């Protein structure tokens, strides 16, 4: 059978670990005429949970809807949290940015050249600095100012955009506003943030200059899901770079931006390819 993106699907699942899960899944795919392209699994002894990602193909007239309907009984029997997604369906992503545009620029470019399998549906910012950049990619730019008095209205506008644009994932590409607990809950598992690895050591203004003053030898960045616990959500990816004593604060900032871009891009890619499964306060990443 000729493999095409149109006929390929990804099944992801998590459930209490017990015998027979892999057999049940592989038997189901065999009985429905599907072909396994790639399969990864992990049993967490600490939580007693089992995680699995299966990339498979199917001949027409099989569809994602038919697969979901026929797999439901297996999912129920093992108490699974599961999804079946067509590989050809690209996640619709909303990017959010404030005054630092390196991550935004990186994600826009990677998407244009096909390095990120997503569709960027819009960019939201509480400033107008990156309107021109965004619109140069023919992507809608939404200016949503945020003040203490307008924060609730701004977050409602964000939720409206998520609904109107059928957004699958929100990416905080250096968006420097703290999301409310209610918003975090409403978009649970659907918001990815990036921050430098100095937290909580160097908070506030100019963290890289603070780090330079302390003589750090490693800098890094962490991409994670957003929760009500500020910058403490489940970690998806981290990147580090070693520095020496002769690096200037300005060079440290430049290196920091590079590692932020790399970590965030990988996190977005893995999420969009259905490679990340939540495991409590941690993640399982089938990269």
Protein backbone atom coordinates (compact mmCIF):
# COMPACT_ATOMS: atom_id res chain seq x y z
CA UNK A 1 0.00 0.00 0.00
CA UNK A 2 1.32 3.45 -0.90
CA UNK A 3 1.61 5.57 2.24
CA UNK A 4 0.22 9.08 1.99
CA UNK A 5 -0.23 11.78 4.64
CA UNK A 6 -3.94 11.64 3.96
CA UNK A 7 -4.15 8.04 5.15
CA UNK A 8 -1.99 8.35 8.25
CA UNK A 9 -3.15 8.72 11.85
CA UNK A 10 -1.75 9.00 15.37
CA UNK A 11 -3.27 7.23 18.37
CA UNK A 12 -2.17 8.48 21.79
CA UNK A 13 -3.36 7.02 25.07
CA UNK A 14 -2.75 6.84 28.79
CA UNK A 15 -4.37 4.51 31.29
CA UNK A 16 -3.70 2.42 34.40
CA UNK A 17 -0.95 -0.05 33.54
CA UNK A 18 -2.04 -3.67 33.16
CA UNK A 19 -1.42 -6.66 30.93
CA UNK A 20 -2.93 -6.75 27.48
CA UNK A 21 -2.91 -3.08 26.45
CA UNK A 22 -0.39 -3.38 23.62
CA UNK A 23 -2.03 -6.61 22.42
CA UNK A 24 -5.46 -4.99 22.41
CA UNK A 25 -4.26 -1.95 20.46
CA UNK A 26 -2.22 -3.88 17.90
CA UNK A 27 -5.00 -6.44 17.43
CA UNK A 28 -7.53 -3.65 16.89
CA UNK A 29 -5.33 -2.03 14.24
CA UNK A 30 -4.80 -5.38 12.51
CA UNK A 31 -8.49 -6.24 12.53
CA UNK A 32 -9.40 -2.85 11.05
CA UNK A 33 -6.88 -3.22 8.23
CA UNK A 34 -4.43 -0.65 9.56
CA UNK A 35 -0.65 -0.78 9.31
CA UNK A 36 1.60 0.33 12.20
CA UNK A 37 4.34 2.68 11.01
CA UNK A 38 5.84 3.51 14.40
CA UNK A 39 4.95 2.67 18.00
CA UNK A 40 6.32 3.94 21.33
CA UNK A 41 5.24 3.12 24.86
CA UNK A 42 6.19 3.76 28.47
CA UNK A 43 5.03 2.34 31.77
CA UNK A 44 5.60 4.64 34.74
CA UNK A 45 6.18 2.54 37.84
CA UNK A 46 5.84 5.63 40.02
CA UNK A 47 2.31 6.54 38.93
CA UNK A 48 1.17 3.13 37.72
CA UNK A 49 0.20 4.64 34.37
CA UNK A 50 0.90 3.38 30.86
CA UNK A 51 1.47 5.70 27.89
CA UNK A 52 1.47 4.87 24.20
CA UNK A 53 1.76 6.61 20.83
CA UNK A 54 1.08 4.71 17.63
CA UNK A 55 1.56 6.18 14.16
CA UNK A 56 -0.36 4.08 11.64
CA UNK A 57 -1.91 4.14 8.20
CA UNK A 58 -5.30 3.04 6.93
CA UNK A 59 -6.85 2.53 3.53
CA UNK A 60 -9.96 4.40 2.50
CA UNK A 61 -12.84 4.41 3.29
CA UNK A 62 -11.46 4.42 6.84
CA UNK A 63 -11.67 7.89 8.45
CA UNK A 64 -10.67 9.34 11.80
CA UNK A 65 -14.34 9.45 12.82
CA UNK A 66 -14.83 5.76 12.03
CA UNK A 67 -11.64 4.83 13.86
CA UNK A 68 -12.70 6.78 16.94
CA UNK A 69 -16.12 5.14 16.97
CA UNK A 70 -14.73 1.62 16.67
CA UNK A 71 -11.90 2.18 19.20
CA UNK A 72 -14.19 3.57 21.91
CA UNK A 73 -15.00 0.16 23.41
CA UNK A 74 -11.30 -0.69 23.84
CA UNK A 75 -10.65 2.70 25.37
CA UNK A 76 -13.47 2.20 27.87
CA UNK A 77 -12.38 -1.32 28.81
CA UNK A 78 -8.90 -0.12 29.82
CA UNK A 79 -10.10 3.23 31.25
CA UNK A 80 -8.01 5.08 28.69
CA UNK A 81 -7.67 8.75 27.99
CA UNK A 82 -7.11 8.56 24.25
CA UNK A 83 -7.14 10.46 20.98
CA UNK A 84 -6.96 9.55 17.31
CA UNK A 85 -5.82 12.37 15.02
CA UNK A 86 -5.26 12.46 11.28
CA UNK A 87 -1.61 13.29 10.55
CA UNK A 88 -2.63 15.61 7.71
CA UNK A 89 -4.67 17.84 10.05
CA UNK A 90 -2.42 20.66 11.18
CA UNK A 91 -3.01 22.23 14.57
CA UNK A 92 -4.27 25.80 14.49
CA UNK A 93 -1.97 27.89 16.67
CA UNK A 94 -2.34 31.33 18.22
CA UNK A 95 0.94 33.08 19.11
CA UNK A 96 1.16 35.70 21.86
CA UNK A 97 4.01 38.18 22.23
CA UNK A 98 4.91 41.40 24.04
CA UNK A 99 8.13 43.37 23.50
CA UNK A 100 10.67 40.63 22.69
CA UNK A 101 10.16 39.18 19.22
CA UNK A 102 12.87 36.55 18.76
CA UNK A 103 10.63 33.57 19.52
CA UNK A 104 7.79 34.98 17.42
CA UNK A 105 10.12 35.56 14.47
CA UNK A 106 11.57 32.06 14.81
CA UNK A 107 8.18 30.33 14.93
CA UNK A 108 6.85 32.33 11.98
CA UNK A 109 9.87 31.44 9.86
CA UNK A 110 9.96 27.77 10.84
CA UNK A 111 6.29 27.46 9.96
CA UNK A 112 6.77 29.15 6.57
CA UNK A 113 9.57 26.77 5.55
CA UNK A 114 7.65 23.71 6.71
CA UNK A 115 9.80 22.93 9.75
CA UNK A 116 6.77 23.25 12.04
CA UNK A 117 3.66 21.27 11.04
CA UNK A 118 1.18 23.89 12.26
CA UNK A 119 -1.09 26.60 10.90
CA UNK A 120 -0.60 29.96 12.61
CA UNK A 121 -4.07 31.47 12.74
CA UNK A 122 -3.07 34.76 14.35
CA UNK A 123 -0.77 36.72 16.64
CA UNK A 124 -2.00 38.49 19.78
CA UNK A 125 0.01 41.20 21.50
CA UNK A 126 -0.47 43.78 24.19
CA UNK A 127 1.78 46.07 22.11
CA UNK A 128 1.97 46.94 18.41
CA UNK A 129 5.72 46.44 17.87
CA UNK A 130 5.36 43.28 15.79
CA UNK A 131 2.32 44.13 13.70
CA UNK A 132 4.44 44.71 10.58
CA UNK A 133 6.41 41.48 11.06
CA UNK A 134 3.25 39.46 11.56
CA UNK A 135 1.42 40.94 8.60
CA UNK A 136 4.47 40.36 6.35
CA UNK A 137 3.58 36.67 6.74
CA UNK A 138 -0.07 37.43 5.82
CA UNK A 139 -1.15 36.46 9.34
CA UNK A 140 -3.79 38.47 11.28
CA UNK A 141 -2.41 40.63 14.09
CA UNK A 142 -4.64 41.33 17.11
CA UNK A 143 -3.69 44.21 19.39
CA UNK A 144 -5.20 43.50 22.81
CA UNK A 145 -3.92 46.03 25.37
CA UNK A 146 -3.77 44.87 28.98
CA UNK A 147 -4.00 47.01 32.08
CA UNK A 148 -5.03 46.15 35.61
CA UNK A 149 -8.53 47.44 34.85
CA UNK A 150 -8.86 45.73 31.44
CA UNK A 151 -7.21 42.37 32.20
CA UNK A 152 -10.51 40.47 32.48
CA UNK A 153 -11.77 41.93 29.20
CA UNK A 154 -8.46 41.13 27.48
CA UNK A 155 -8.60 37.52 28.62
CA UNK A 156 -12.19 37.21 27.44
CA UNK A 157 -11.10 38.55 24.05
CA UNK A 158 -8.42 35.86 23.97
CA UNK A 159 -10.97 33.15 24.75
CA UNK A 160 -13.25 34.55 22.05
CA UNK A 161 -10.40 34.37 19.53
CA UNK A 162 -9.62 30.79 20.55
CA UNK A 163 -13.25 29.85 19.89
CA UNK A 164 -13.69 31.91 16.71
CA UNK A 165 -10.46 30.68 15.11
CA UNK A 166 -10.83 27.08 16.33
CA UNK A 167 -7.45 27.29 18.07
CA UNK A 168 -5.83 24.04 19.19
CA UNK A 169 -2.76 25.53 20.87
CA UNK A 170 -1.79 28.92 22.35
CA UNK A 171 1.94 29.68 22.45
CA UNK A 172 3.30 32.39 24.73
CA UNK A 173 6.27 33.49 22.63
CA UNK A 174 7.63 35.82 25.30
CA UNK A 175 4.22 37.19 26.25
CA UNK A 176 4.95 39.10 29.43
CA UNK A 177 1.56 38.98 31.12
CA UNK A 178 0.55 36.54 33.85
CA UNK A 179 -2.55 34.56 32.87
CA UNK A 180 -5.30 34.31 35.46
CA UNK A 181 -6.11 31.03 37.18
CA UNK A 182 -9.46 30.89 35.38
CA UNK A 183 -7.83 31.29 31.98
CA UNK A 184 -5.22 28.65 32.79
CA UNK A 185 -7.99 26.22 33.71
CA UNK A 186 -10.04 27.06 30.61
CA UNK A 187 -7.05 26.32 28.34
CA UNK A 188 -5.47 23.55 30.42
CA UNK A 189 -2.99 21.49 28.37
CA UNK A 190 -3.34 23.89 25.44
CA UNK A 191 -0.91 26.69 26.36
CA UNK A 192 2.89 26.46 26.06
CA UNK A 193 5.24 29.05 27.58
CA UNK A 194 8.98 29.66 27.40
CA UNK A 195 11.20 31.16 30.08
CA UNK A 196 14.91 31.39 30.82
CA UNK A 197 16.37 28.78 33.12
CA UNK A 198 17.43 31.28 35.76
CA UNK A 199 14.01 31.25 37.37
CA UNK A 200 13.60 31.52 40.28
CA UNK A 201 17.22 32.64 40.83
CA UNK A 202 17.08 35.78 38.70
CA UNK A 203 13.65 37.32 38.51
CA UNK A 204 12.59 40.75 37.35
CA UNK A 205 14.41 43.06 34.97
CA UNK A 206 17.47 41.99 32.97
CA UNK A 207 17.88 38.41 34.26
CA UNK A 208 20.81 37.76 31.92
CA UNK A 209 22.65 40.78 33.29
CA UNK A 210 21.98 39.48 36.81
CA UNK A 211 23.33 36.08 35.78
CA UNK A 212 26.45 37.68 34.27
CA UNK A 213 27.11 39.51 37.51
CA UNK A 214 26.98 36.17 39.33
CA UNK A 215 29.33 34.51 36.85
CA UNK A 216 27.03 31.75 35.63
CA UNK A 217 28.59 29.06 33.44
CA UNK A 218 25.38 27.57 32.02
CA UNK A 219 22.37 29.33 30.57
CA UNK A 220 19.21 27.71 29.39
CA UNK A 221 15.52 27.84 28.64
CA UNK A 222 12.48 25.79 29.63
CA UNK A 223 9.35 25.21 27.56
CA UNK A 224 6.40 24.06 29.61
CA UNK A 225 2.62 23.90 29.79
CA UNK A 226 1.01 26.82 31.55
CA UNK A 227 -0.75 26.21 34.86
CA UNK A 228 -1.96 28.42 37.68
CA UNK A 229 1.44 27.84 39.34
CA UNK A 230 3.54 30.51 37.64
CA UNK A 231 6.36 29.00 35.51
CA UNK A 232 5.96 25.63 37.24
CA UNK A 233 3.82 23.74 34.72
CA UNK A 234 4.79 20.33 33.29
CA UNK A 235 8.08 20.66 31.40
CA UNK A 236 8.17 19.66 27.72
CA UNK A 237 11.70 20.60 26.68
CA UNK A 238 14.83 22.35 27.94
CA UNK A 239 17.93 23.64 26.18
CA UNK A 240 21.27 24.76 27.64
CA UNK A 241 24.47 26.43 26.46
CA UNK A 242 27.80 26.66 28.26
CA UNK A 243 29.41 30.09 28.64
CA UNK A 244 32.80 31.25 29.81
CA UNK A 245 34.11 34.11 31.92
CA UNK A 246 34.75 36.36 28.90
CA UNK A 247 31.15 36.49 27.69
CA UNK A 248 29.63 39.96 27.92
CA UNK A 249 26.09 40.58 29.20
CA UNK A 250 25.02 41.42 25.64
CA UNK A 251 26.43 38.12 24.32
CA UNK A 252 24.67 36.31 27.16
CA UNK A 253 21.37 37.87 26.10
CA UNK A 254 21.94 36.78 22.48
CA UNK A 255 22.78 33.22 23.50
CA UNK A 256 19.78 33.16 25.79
CA UNK A 257 17.47 34.15 22.96
CA UNK A 258 18.88 31.35 20.81
CA UNK A 259 18.24 28.65 23.40
CA UNK A 260 14.76 30.04 24.08
CA UNK A 261 13.91 29.76 20.38
CA UNK A 262 15.25 26.21 20.14
CA UNK A 263 13.45 24.90 23.21
CA UNK A 264 10.14 26.52 22.29
CA UNK A 265 10.22 25.37 18.67
CA UNK A 266 10.84 21.75 19.69
CA UNK A 267 8.06 21.89 22.29
CA UNK A 268 5.58 23.26 19.75
CA UNK A 269 6.63 20.68 17.15
CA UNK A 270 6.33 17.74 19.54
CA UNK A 271 2.96 18.93 20.84
CA UNK A 272 1.63 19.42 17.31
CA UNK A 273 2.76 15.91 16.37
CA UNK A 274 0.93 14.47 19.39
CA UNK A 275 4.17 13.34 21.04
CA UNK A 276 3.55 14.87 24.48
CA UNK A 277 1.30 13.22 27.07
CA UNK A 278 0.61 14.69 30.50
CA UNK A 279 1.68 12.58 33.46
CA UNK A 280 0.52 14.59 36.47
CA UNK A 281 3.01 17.41 37.01
CA UNK A 282 5.37 15.84 34.45
CA UNK A 283 5.21 14.89 30.77
CA UNK A 284 5.98 11.84 28.69
CA UNK A 285 7.59 12.96 25.43
CA UNK A 286 7.82 10.44 22.61
CA UNK A 287 10.34 12.47 20.60
